[in-house]
Protein backbone atom coordinates (compact mmCIF):
# COMPACT_ATOMS: atom_id res chain seq x y z
CA MET A 1 -35.60 -18.15 76.79
CA GLN A 2 -33.09 -20.94 76.52
CA GLY A 3 -33.10 -21.45 72.77
CA LYS A 4 -34.75 -24.47 71.15
CA ASN A 5 -35.18 -26.32 74.46
CA SER A 6 -37.53 -23.77 76.03
CA PHE A 7 -41.18 -24.60 76.50
CA TRP A 8 -42.40 -21.83 74.19
CA ALA A 9 -40.04 -22.73 71.35
CA ARG A 10 -41.07 -26.40 71.52
CA ALA A 11 -44.77 -25.47 71.66
CA ILE A 12 -44.46 -23.18 68.63
CA ASP A 13 -42.52 -25.85 66.73
CA LEU A 14 -45.25 -28.39 67.54
CA TYR A 15 -48.01 -26.18 66.12
CA VAL A 16 -46.01 -25.04 63.08
CA ASP A 17 -45.01 -28.59 62.20
CA GLY A 18 -48.57 -29.83 62.73
CA PHE A 19 -50.04 -27.12 60.54
CA ARG A 20 -47.42 -27.71 57.84
CA SER A 21 -48.30 -31.41 57.59
CA MET A 22 -52.07 -30.82 57.38
CA THR A 23 -53.94 -31.47 54.16
CA VAL A 24 -57.67 -31.21 54.91
CA GLY A 25 -57.07 -29.05 57.98
CA LYS A 26 -55.87 -26.08 55.96
CA THR A 27 -59.14 -26.05 54.04
CA LEU A 28 -61.11 -26.26 57.28
CA TRP A 29 -59.13 -23.35 58.78
CA LEU A 30 -59.85 -21.33 55.64
CA ILE A 31 -63.57 -22.04 56.01
CA ILE A 32 -63.42 -21.02 59.69
CA ALA A 33 -61.62 -17.78 58.78
CA ILE A 34 -64.22 -16.94 56.13
CA LYS A 35 -67.07 -17.63 58.56
CA LEU A 36 -65.49 -15.40 61.21
CA PHE A 37 -65.06 -12.65 58.63
CA VAL A 38 -68.72 -12.91 57.67
CA PHE A 39 -69.87 -12.97 61.29
CA PHE A 40 -67.85 -10.03 62.53
CA VAL A 41 -67.60 -7.76 59.49
CA ILE A 42 -70.48 -8.32 57.10
CA ILE A 43 -73.17 -8.90 59.74
CA LYS A 44 -71.97 -5.88 61.75
CA ILE A 45 -72.23 -3.66 58.70
CA LEU A 46 -75.70 -4.96 57.77
CA PHE A 47 -77.38 -5.20 61.17
CA PHE A 48 -75.53 -2.77 63.43
CA PRO A 49 -75.19 0.59 61.69
CA ASN A 50 -73.61 3.49 63.57
CA PHE A 51 -76.89 4.90 64.81
CA LEU A 52 -75.53 7.78 66.86
CA SER A 53 -73.59 9.21 63.93
CA SER A 54 -76.89 9.81 62.15
CA LYS A 55 -78.14 11.84 65.14
CA SER A 56 -75.18 14.19 65.58
CA ASP A 57 -71.69 14.88 64.31
CA THR A 58 -70.11 15.84 67.64
CA ASP A 59 -69.55 13.81 70.79
CA GLU A 60 -71.46 16.38 72.82
CA GLY A 61 -74.45 16.13 70.50
CA LYS A 62 -74.41 12.33 70.75
CA ALA A 63 -74.21 12.51 74.54
CA GLN A 64 -77.10 14.98 74.62
CA TYR A 65 -79.20 12.67 72.41
CA VAL A 66 -78.53 9.68 74.72
CA ARG A 67 -79.33 11.76 77.82
CA GLN A 68 -82.58 12.93 76.28
CA GLN A 69 -83.59 9.40 75.31
CA LEU A 70 -82.89 8.16 78.84
CA ILE A 71 -84.92 10.96 80.38
CA ASP A 72 -87.85 10.46 77.99
CA LYS A 73 -88.04 6.72 78.76
CA ARG A 74 -88.92 7.30 82.44
């Protein structure tokens, strides 16, 4: 990089300065962050439990369970 005149330094300064001068935008970014947290953490915990862990404790046991389910579905 060439110091403050490089493309990346100017781009970072642009975004940092823009975010610093925001008033309503900071609240909107907070709302977006909370929504993403809810989508990816809370919903995963509620609707996508670790199903294979309830079937076996070992990787081999999990693999055997999946193999058996695939064979039985034919």
